[in-house]
Protein backbone atom coordinates (compact mmCIF):
# COMPACT_ATOMS: atom_id res chain seq x y z
CA MET A 1 -13.96 -16.91 8.69
CA LYS A 2 -16.55 -14.39 7.50
CA TRP A 3 -15.64 -10.75 6.81
CA PHE A 4 -17.79 -7.77 5.94
CA GLU A 5 -16.74 -5.77 2.88
CA ILE A 6 -17.48 -2.05 3.13
CA SER A 7 -17.36 -0.48 -0.34
CA ILE A 8 -17.59 3.33 -0.58
CA ALA A 9 -18.11 4.96 -3.98
CA THR A 10 -16.16 8.19 -4.38
CA THR A 11 -13.76 10.06 -6.69
CA SER A 12 -9.99 9.83 -7.09
CA GLU A 13 -9.71 12.98 -4.97
CA GLY A 14 -11.93 11.46 -2.30
CA THR A 15 -10.02 8.20 -1.85
CA GLU A 16 -7.80 9.43 0.96
CA ILE A 17 -10.70 10.86 2.97
CA MET A 18 -12.78 7.70 2.59
CA SER A 19 -9.75 5.50 3.28
CA GLU A 20 -9.13 7.37 6.53
CA LEU A 21 -12.78 6.91 7.47
CA LEU A 22 -12.37 3.15 7.13
CA PHE A 23 -9.02 3.10 8.96
CA GLU A 24 -10.55 4.93 11.92
CA ALA A 25 -13.33 2.32 12.02
CA GLY A 26 -10.74 -0.42 12.48
CA VAL A 27 -10.04 -1.54 8.92
CA GLN A 28 -6.37 -2.55 8.62
CA GLY A 29 -5.99 -1.78 4.93
CA VAL A 30 -7.99 -0.64 1.93
CA VAL A 31 -8.39 -1.73 -1.67
CA ILE A 32 -8.84 1.08 -4.18
CA GLU A 33 -10.60 0.11 -7.40
CA ASP A 34 -10.14 2.79 -10.06
CA LYS A 35 -10.92 1.82 -13.64
CA GLU A 36 -8.75 4.63 -15.00
CA ASP A 37 -5.67 3.22 -13.27
CA ILE A 38 -6.12 -0.15 -14.92
CA VAL A 39 -6.99 1.26 -18.34
CA ARG A 40 -3.78 3.33 -18.21
CA TYR A 41 -1.72 0.19 -17.58
CA LEU A 42 -3.49 -1.58 -20.43
CA LYS A 43 -2.72 1.29 -22.81
CA ASP A 44 0.91 1.53 -21.66
CA GLY A 45 1.49 -2.19 -22.13
CA GLU A 46 3.05 -2.43 -18.69
CA GLY A 47 2.53 -6.14 -18.22
CA PHE A 48 -1.17 -6.96 -17.94
CA ASP A 49 -2.05 -9.81 -20.24
CA TYR A 50 -5.80 -9.30 -20.48
CA SER A 51 -7.88 -6.85 -22.47
CA GLU A 52 -9.94 -3.89 -21.37
CA SER A 53 -13.06 -5.85 -22.24
CA ASP A 54 -12.21 -8.27 -19.43
CA LEU A 55 -12.94 -5.43 -17.01
CA ALA A 56 -16.33 -4.48 -18.44
CA GLY A 57 -19.05 -4.82 -15.85
CA SER A 58 -16.58 -5.17 -13.00
CA TYR A 59 -15.71 -1.48 -12.73
CA ASP A 60 -17.69 1.68 -13.34
CA SER A 61 -16.60 5.28 -13.62
CA THR A 62 -16.52 5.88 -9.87
CA VAL A 63 -13.64 4.91 -7.61
CA LYS A 64 -14.43 2.34 -4.96
CA VAL A 65 -12.61 2.30 -1.63
CA LYS A 66 -13.05 -1.08 0.03
CA GLY A 67 -12.21 -2.16 3.54
CA TYR A 68 -12.83 -5.38 5.45
CA LEU A 69 -13.97 -5.97 9.02
CA PRO A 70 -14.24 -9.37 10.73
CA ASP A 71 -17.64 -10.63 11.76
CA ASN A 72 -18.00 -10.05 15.49
CA LYS A 73 -20.52 -8.74 18.03
CA ASN A 74 -19.58 -5.10 17.31
CA ILE A 75 -19.98 -5.25 13.54
CA ASP A 76 -23.45 -3.66 13.39
CA THR A 77 -22.27 -0.71 15.48
CA LEU A 78 -19.14 -0.27 13.34
CA ILE A 79 -21.12 -0.32 10.08
CA TYR A 80 -23.66 2.16 11.45
CA ASP A 81 -20.81 4.46 12.52
CA ILE A 82 -19.19 4.29 9.07
CA LYS A 83 -22.48 5.18 7.36
CA SER A 84 -23.16 8.04 9.78
CA ARG A 85 -19.68 9.53 9.43
CA SER A 86 -19.79 9.22 5.63
CA ALA A 87 -23.12 11.05 5.57
CA ALA A 88 -21.65 13.80 7.75
CA LEU A 89 -18.62 14.17 5.48
CA LEU A 90 -20.88 14.59 2.45
CA LYS A 91 -22.47 17.63 4.11
CA GLN A 92 -19.12 19.34 4.74
CA ASP A 93 -17.08 21.58 2.45
CA LEU A 94 -13.87 19.54 2.32
CA GLY A 95 -12.35 21.29 -0.68
CA VAL A 96 -12.59 18.12 -2.79
CA ASP A 97 -15.49 16.24 -4.33
CA ILE A 98 -16.07 12.96 -2.50
CA ARG A 99 -19.46 12.15 -4.00
CA PRO A 100 -21.44 10.00 -4.42
CA GLY A 101 -20.34 8.51 -1.09
CA SER A 102 -22.77 5.61 -1.37
CA ILE A 103 -21.93 2.53 0.70
CA ILE A 104 -22.51 -1.11 -0.13
CA ILE A 105 -22.03 -3.80 2.50
CA GLY A 106 -21.16 -7.31 1.40
CA GLU A 107 -19.97 -10.55 2.94
CA VAL A 108 -16.86 -12.44 1.95
CA TYR A 109 -15.12 -15.54 3.26
CA GLU A 110 -11.37 -15.95 3.31
CA GLN A 111 -11.43 -18.56 0.56
CA ASP A 112 -13.57 -16.27 -1.61
CA TRP A 113 -11.15 -13.40 -0.94
CA ALA A 114 -8.17 -15.43 -2.10
CA ASN A 115 -9.92 -16.56 -5.26
CA SER A 116 -11.24 -13.08 -6.12
CA TRP A 117 -7.71 -11.76 -6.67
CA LYS A 118 -6.93 -14.35 -9.29
CA LYS A 119 -9.12 -12.83 -12.01
CA TYR A 120 -7.35 -9.45 -12.20
CA PHE A 121 -3.94 -9.90 -10.57
CA LYS A 122 -1.54 -10.63 -13.43
CA PRO A 123 2.25 -10.28 -13.89
CA LEU A 124 3.23 -6.62 -14.01
CA LYS A 125 6.60 -4.94 -14.50
CA VAL A 126 6.55 -2.14 -11.93
CA SER A 127 10.08 -0.73 -12.33
CA GLU A 128 13.21 -1.12 -14.41
CA SER A 129 14.03 -4.47 -12.84
CA ILE A 130 11.09 -5.64 -10.69
CA VAL A 131 8.22 -7.77 -12.01
CA VAL A 132 5.42 -8.68 -9.59
CA LYS A 133 3.82 -12.04 -10.31
CA PRO A 134 0.98 -13.80 -8.48
CA SER A 135 1.88 -17.26 -7.26
CA TRP A 136 -0.66 -18.92 -9.57
CA GLU A 137 0.64 -17.31 -12.78
CA SER A 138 3.60 -18.27 -14.99
CA TYR A 139 6.16 -15.73 -16.17
CA GLU A 140 9.47 -16.09 -18.00
CA PRO A 141 11.75 -13.21 -16.92
CA SER A 142 14.43 -11.62 -19.04
CA PRO A 143 18.01 -11.87 -17.70
CA ARG A 144 17.81 -8.43 -16.02
CA GLU A 145 14.41 -8.86 -14.42
CA ILE A 146 13.79 -9.73 -10.78
CA VAL A 147 10.51 -11.51 -10.15
CA ILE A 148 8.61 -11.15 -6.88
CA GLU A 149 6.02 -13.87 -6.45
CA LEU A 150 3.08 -12.85 -4.27
CA ASP A 151 -0.07 -14.35 -2.85
CA PRO A 152 -2.04 -11.54 -1.18
CA GLY A 153 -4.19 -13.85 0.95
CA MET A 154 -6.09 -11.60 3.38
CA ALA A 155 -3.40 -8.89 3.32
CA PHE A 156 -3.17 -5.75 1.19
CA GLY A 157 -0.62 -4.89 -1.47
CA THR A 158 -0.38 -6.73 -4.79
CA GLY A 159 2.12 -4.24 -6.19
CA THR A 160 -0.20 -2.95 -8.90
CA HIS A 161 -1.30 0.29 -7.22
CA GLU A 162 0.57 3.50 -8.08
CA THR A 163 1.72 4.06 -4.50
CA THR A 164 3.39 0.64 -4.33
CA ILE A 165 4.96 1.11 -7.76
CA LEU A 166 6.39 4.46 -6.67
CA CYS A 167 7.83 2.86 -3.54
CA VAL A 168 9.49 0.05 -5.50
CA ARG A 169 11.04 2.59 -7.87
CA ALA A 170 12.31 4.57 -4.87
CA LEU A 171 13.93 1.42 -3.48
CA GLU A 172 15.80 1.00 -6.74
CA LYS A 173 16.97 4.60 -6.53
CA TYR A 174 18.09 4.87 -2.90
CA LEU A 175 18.97 1.35 -1.82
CA CYS A 176 22.61 0.38 -1.28
CA SER A 177 23.93 -3.16 -1.09
CA ASN A 178 24.68 -2.76 2.62
CA SER A 179 21.32 -1.15 3.51
CA LEU A 180 19.11 -2.15 6.39
CA VAL A 181 15.48 -1.44 5.48
CA LEU A 182 12.39 -0.90 7.64
CA ASP A 183 9.01 -1.38 5.89
CA ILE A 184 6.28 0.27 7.98
CA GLY A 185 2.80 -1.11 7.28
CA CYS A 186 4.17 -3.98 5.23
CA GLY A 187 0.92 -5.64 4.07
CA THR A 188 1.91 -8.57 1.87
CA GLY A 189 5.60 -7.78 2.42
CA ILE A 190 6.23 -6.70 -1.16
CA LEU A 191 8.52 -3.75 -0.32
CA GLY A 192 10.63 -5.63 2.21
CA ILE A 193 10.98 -8.52 -0.22
CA ALA A 194 11.91 -6.16 -3.05
CA ALA A 195 14.57 -4.54 -0.85
CA ILE A 196 16.28 -7.88 -0.19
CA LEU A 197 16.10 -8.94 -3.84
CA LEU A 198 17.60 -5.57 -4.83
CA GLY A 199 20.55 -6.18 -2.53
CA ALA A 200 19.70 -4.97 0.98
CA ARG A 201 21.42 -6.94 3.73
CA GLY A 202 18.29 -7.02 5.86
CA SER A 203 14.64 -5.94 6.12
CA THR A 204 12.36 -5.47 9.10
CA LEU A 205 8.64 -5.63 8.29
CA ILE A 206 6.05 -4.22 10.68
CA ASP A 207 2.26 -4.19 10.43
CA ILE A 208 -0.52 -3.71 12.95
CA ASP A 209 -2.41 -6.63 11.38
CA SER A 210 -1.19 -10.07 12.46
CA GLN A 211 -2.83 -11.58 9.37
CA ALA A 212 -0.67 -9.33 7.17
CA ILE A 213 2.45 -10.44 9.03
CA SER A 214 1.49 -14.07 8.45
CA VAL A 215 1.04 -13.43 4.71
CA ALA A 216 4.31 -11.45 4.55
CA LYS A 217 6.18 -14.36 6.15
CA THR A 218 4.71 -16.79 3.62
CA ASN A 219 5.66 -14.50 0.74
CA SER A 220 9.17 -14.05 2.16
CA ILE A 221 9.62 -17.81 2.24
CA ARG A 222 8.29 -18.06 -1.32
CA ASN A 223 10.84 -15.48 -2.54
CA GLY A 224 13.81 -16.79 -0.56
CA THR A 225 14.16 -13.65 1.60
CA ILE A 226 13.03 -15.04 4.96
CA GLU A 227 16.53 -15.49 6.40
CA LYS A 228 17.26 -11.76 6.01
CA THR A 229 13.88 -10.59 7.28
CA LYS A 230 12.53 -9.75 10.73
CA PHE A 231 8.80 -9.42 11.42
CA ILE A 232 7.02 -7.30 14.01
CA THR A 233 3.31 -7.03 14.79
CA GLY A 234 2.83 -3.44 15.91
CA ASP A 235 1.54 0.02 15.08
CA LEU A 236 3.89 2.26 13.06
CA LEU A 237 7.23 2.22 14.94
CA ASP A 238 5.92 0.31 17.94
CA LYS A 239 8.45 -2.32 19.14
CA VAL A 240 11.07 -1.26 16.55
CA GLU A 241 14.67 -1.16 17.74
CA GLY A 242 17.91 -0.06 16.13
CA LYS A 243 18.88 2.13 13.20
CA PHE A 244 18.06 1.70 9.52
CA ASP A 245 19.49 3.09 6.31
CA LEU A 246 16.10 3.35 4.62
CA LEU A 247 12.63 3.63 6.11
CA ILE A 248 9.72 3.15 3.73
CA ALA A 249 6.00 3.59 4.43
CA ASN A 250 3.04 3.34 2.08
CA LEU A 251 0.28 4.72 4.30
CA SER A 252 -2.32 7.50 4.44
CA SER A 253 -1.21 11.13 4.73
CA LYS A 254 -2.59 11.27 8.27
CA ALA A 255 -0.55 8.24 9.34
CA ILE A 256 2.57 9.62 7.61
CA LYS A 257 2.26 12.94 9.47
CA LYS A 258 2.12 10.98 12.71
CA LEU A 259 5.05 8.81 11.66
CA ILE A 260 7.59 11.40 10.47
CA PRO A 261 8.37 13.01 13.87
CA GLN A 262 9.34 9.60 15.24
CA CYS A 263 11.55 8.59 12.33
CA THR A 264 14.83 10.34 13.08
CA VAL A 265 15.35 8.05 16.08
CA TYR A 266 15.53 5.10 13.68
CA ILE A 267 17.31 6.57 10.62
CA SER A 268 21.09 6.37 10.37
CA ARG A 269 22.85 9.59 9.40
CA GLY A 270 22.71 9.87 5.64
CA GLY A 271 19.76 7.48 5.55
CA TYR A 272 16.50 7.93 3.67
CA LEU A 273 12.80 8.12 4.43
CA VAL A 274 10.45 7.23 1.58
CA VAL A 275 6.70 7.78 2.03
CA SER A 276 3.76 7.26 -0.29
CA GLY A 277 -0.02 6.92 -0.14
CA ILE A 278 -0.16 10.71 -0.56
CA LEU A 279 -2.49 12.55 -2.89
CA GLU A 280 -1.02 15.47 -4.86
CA GLU A 281 -2.91 18.10 -2.86
CA ASN A 282 -1.34 16.83 0.40
CA ALA A 283 2.24 16.63 -0.86
CA GLU A 284 3.32 20.10 0.31
CA ASP A 285 2.04 19.41 3.83
CA ILE A 286 4.08 16.21 4.01
CA LYS A 287 7.14 17.98 2.65
CA THR A 288 6.78 20.67 5.32
CA VAL A 289 6.49 18.10 8.13
CA LEU A 290 9.56 16.34 6.76
CA ILE A 291 11.67 19.50 6.86
CA GLU A 292 10.32 20.57 10.27
CA ASN A 293 11.58 17.29 11.70
CA GLY A 294 15.20 17.69 10.63
CA MET A 295 15.21 15.96 7.27
CA THR A 296 16.17 17.28 3.86
CA PHE A 297 13.59 16.99 1.10
CA ILE A 298 15.27 15.39 -1.92
CA ASP A 299 12.63 14.16 -4.34
CA LYS A 300 8.96 13.94 -5.28
CA GLN A 301 7.67 11.45 -7.82
CA VAL A 302 4.11 11.40 -9.18
CA LEU A 303 2.11 8.60 -10.77
CA GLY A 304 -1.53 9.21 -11.54
CA ASP A 305 -3.03 11.10 -8.60
CA TRP A 306 -0.46 9.74 -6.16
CA VAL A 307 2.83 11.07 -4.84
CA CYS A 308 5.95 9.51 -3.33
CA ILE A 309 8.24 11.78 -1.28
CA ALA A 310 11.83 11.03 -0.31
CA GLY A 311 13.84 12.75 2.42
CA GLN A 312 17.34 12.28 3.79
CA TYR A 313 18.52 12.57 7.39
CA VAL A 314 21.79 14.47 7.14
């Protein structure tokens, strides 16, 4: 199957705005390519086993926000709309620099997509105990390490982005052995899988993209968590039933603001809500929405330009 890759050049501060532009056009997830993120991991020795020179020519100083749309009869209209809305945004005073805002359209096939990850996706220790490893790489864990083996396929979420790392660290902090976890916008399933491997008694994974659910199921089988995992194809909390001890969502700020008012129906008393995908300048707004909807703000963690916020329903 052929997909169209829409790549928008922007700044770190502009990633959320450009990501939202792509989401509203129908993209189900975005890839954010920021050279500074990767260089920081290289310098910190956090698990990448290739040198900075390997990245030369593949990344420049701008941040690229990439989304993918399937080839269909509406694709020309969708691309035109994205370009028009991006041009309009560049003329507005948004309070942040989103330039240059240039857009490149490319074509990619599913087999090419799968292979493209293999060059840069390497084993990475993302928290005290969790190591994320692509299925095609070898890794010998220490006795205290838990390895999650992933194949992203056509889904989003390799575990190497700051927002995912923050979410995994939050799972380690707030998860109890008897917890039921709901992962909203699961992508590859990494957070739901991590929850089970960290001791949760069950995870429910929901994503609007059926392709992501298919990939998440495959990854759950690969990591031996499938028997404790339920999968739902739906938007945010659509089709979700029951109560959970921990809800986790790695989404855009706009989606999180929409999500929070619905959450208390699904959180057990004393349970937690963990949200990420939030830029620093939007953190106070999210915190306010959290409190306005009956939850207690308990923590904010920052990595790079990104924030993870945790609340408790008491």
